Amino acid sequence: MGKFIRHSGWYPQYRYRIFKKGNAIWVGENPHDYISIQGKGSKICGDIIHYSFRDLSHQVNTINQFSSIVAF
């Protein structure tokens, strides 16, 4: 925890962040849903630092929630 994941294909992880509201839809199934856009996207240089978990307990809770979603 507290370090960048730069190996195993997790970095860089490109995601659509800015798009026209009428040109995008959510597809896929929870928890692996994502945005699909019509047309061509582009990349913005820079990183978004996202702290997913407050602590180890929060991380374990999140994993348990995702495993419950997939189990149904």
C-alpha atoms as a PDB file:
ATOM      1  CA  MET A   1       0.000   0.000   0.000  1.00  0.00           C
ATOM      2  CA  GLY A   2       1.096   3.539  -0.646  1.00  0.00           C
ATOM      3  CA  LYS A   3       3.150   2.697  -3.758  1.00  0.00           C
ATOM      4  CA  PHE A   4       2.473   2.878  -7.484  1.00  0.00           C
ATOM      5  CA  ILE A   5       1.807  -0.409  -9.288  1.00  0.00           C
ATOM      6  CA  ARG A   6       4.066  -0.023 -12.324  1.00  0.00           C
ATOM      7  CA  HIS A   7       4.225  -3.679 -13.356  1.00  0.00           C
ATOM      8  CA  SER A   8       1.734  -6.390 -14.376  1.00  0.00           C
ATOM      9  CA  GLY A   9      -0.086  -4.146 -16.849  1.00  0.00           C
ATOM     10  CA  TRP A  10      -1.683  -1.856 -14.240  1.00  0.00           C
ATOM     11  CA  TYR A  11       0.354   1.231 -15.160  1.00  0.00           C
ATOM     12  CA  PRO A  12      -0.368   3.146 -17.237  1.00  0.00           C
ATOM     13  CA  GLN A  13      -4.072   2.294 -17.165  1.00  0.00           C
ATOM     14  CA  TYR A  14      -5.928   4.474 -19.662  1.00  0.00           C
ATOM     15  CA  ARG A  15      -9.549   5.347 -18.924  1.00  0.00           C
ATOM     16  CA  TYR A  16     -11.995   7.752 -20.506  1.00  0.00           C
ATOM     17  CA  ARG A  17     -12.381  10.685 -18.116  1.00  0.00           C
ATOM     18  CA  ILE A  18     -13.783  13.453 -20.314  1.00  0.00           C
ATOM     19  CA  PHE A  19     -16.389  12.782 -22.997  1.00  0.00           C
ATOM     20  CA  LYS A  20     -19.564  14.207 -24.482  1.00  0.00           C
ATOM     21  CA  LYS A  21     -22.553  13.090 -22.446  1.00  0.00           C
ATOM     22  CA  GLY A  22     -24.556  11.870 -25.466  1.00  0.00           C
ATOM     23  CA  ASN A  23     -21.657   9.908 -26.980  1.00  0.00           C
ATOM     24  CA  ALA A  24     -20.970   7.430 -24.185  1.00  0.00           C
ATOM     25  CA  ILE A  25     -22.711   4.529 -22.468  1.00  0.00           C
ATOM     26  CA  TRP A  26     -21.909   2.201 -19.573  1.00  0.00           C
ATOM     27  CA  VAL A  27     -21.322  -1.396 -20.715  1.00  0.00           C
ATOM     28  CA  GLY A  28     -20.163  -4.602 -19.048  1.00  0.00           C
ATOM     29  CA  GLU A  29     -21.212  -6.091 -15.751  1.00  0.00           C
ATOM     30  CA  ASN A  30     -20.533  -4.892 -12.230  1.00  0.00           C
ATOM     31  CA  PRO A  31     -17.763  -4.730 -10.989  1.00  0.00           C
ATOM     32  CA  HIS A  32     -16.111  -4.727 -14.452  1.00  0.00           C
ATOM     33  CA  ASP A  33     -18.317  -2.148 -16.151  1.00  0.00           C
ATOM     34  CA  TYR A  34     -16.742   0.641 -18.181  1.00  0.00           C
ATOM     35  CA  ILE A  35     -17.493   3.560 -20.504  1.00  0.00           C
ATOM     36  CA  SER A  36     -17.837   2.887 -24.227  1.00  0.00           C
ATOM     37  CA  ILE A  37     -17.678   5.971 -26.447  1.00  0.00           C
ATOM     38  CA  GLN A  38     -18.771   6.589 -30.020  1.00  0.00           C
ATOM     39  CA  GLY A  39     -15.950   7.970 -32.126  1.00  0.00           C
ATOM     40  CA  LYS A  40     -12.290   8.351 -31.388  1.00  0.00           C
ATOM     41  CA  GLY A  41     -10.783   9.114 -28.002  1.00  0.00           C
ATOM     42  CA  SER A  42      -7.518  10.828 -27.180  1.00  0.00           C
ATOM     43  CA  LYS A  43      -5.054  10.780 -24.303  1.00  0.00           C
ATOM     44  CA  ILE A  44      -4.249  13.579 -21.884  1.00  0.00           C
ATOM     45  CA  CYS A  45      -0.690  13.593 -20.568  1.00  0.00           C
ATOM     46  CA  GLY A  46      -0.340  13.221 -16.819  1.00  0.00           C
ATOM     47  CA  ASP A  47      -1.321  10.894 -14.028  1.00  0.00           C
ATOM     48  CA  ILE A  48      -4.337  10.804 -11.745  1.00  0.00           C
ATOM     49  CA  ILE A  49      -3.245   9.696  -8.304  1.00  0.00           C
ATOM     50  CA  HIS A  50      -6.115   7.675  -6.871  1.00  0.00           C
ATOM     51  CA  TYR A  51      -5.908   6.340  -3.336  1.00  0.00           C
ATOM     52  CA  SER A  52      -8.371   3.452  -3.404  1.00  0.00           C
ATOM     53  CA  PHE A  53      -8.159   2.430   0.240  1.00  0.00           C
ATOM     54  CA  ARG A  54      -7.802   4.219   3.570  1.00  0.00           C
ATOM     55  CA  ASP A  55      -6.047   1.260   5.189  1.00  0.00           C
ATOM     56  CA  LEU A  56      -5.714  -2.530   4.986  1.00  0.00           C
ATOM     57  CA  SER A  57      -9.101  -3.096   6.643  1.00  0.00           C
ATOM     58  CA  HIS A  58     -10.805  -0.917   4.019  1.00  0.00           C
ATOM     59  CA  GLN A  59      -9.031  -2.860   1.247  1.00  0.00           C
ATOM     60  CA  VAL A  60     -10.217  -6.221   2.639  1.00  0.00           C
ATOM     61  CA  ASN A  61     -13.780  -4.864   2.951  1.00  0.00           C
ATOM     62  CA  THR A  62     -13.734  -3.729  -0.682  1.00  0.00           C
ATOM     63  CA  ILE A  63     -12.448  -7.112  -1.878  1.00  0.00           C
ATOM     64  CA  ASN A  64     -15.235  -8.830   0.078  1.00  0.00           C
ATOM     65  CA  GLN A  65     -17.855  -6.547  -1.492  1.00  0.00           C
ATOM     66  CA  PHE A  66     -16.564  -7.254  -5.016  1.00  0.00           C
ATOM     67  CA  SER A  67     -16.457 -11.003  -4.388  1.00  0.00           C
ATOM     68  CA  SER A  68     -20.083 -10.873  -3.197  1.00  0.00           C
ATOM     69  CA  ILE A  69     -21.109  -9.044  -6.392  1.00  0.00           C
ATOM     70  CA  VAL A  70     -19.405 -11.641  -8.586  1.00  0.00           C
ATOM     71  CA  ALA A  71     -20.907 -14.535  -6.576  1.00  0.00           C
ATOM     72  CA  PHE A  72     -24.466 -13.572  -7.581  1.00  0.00           C
END
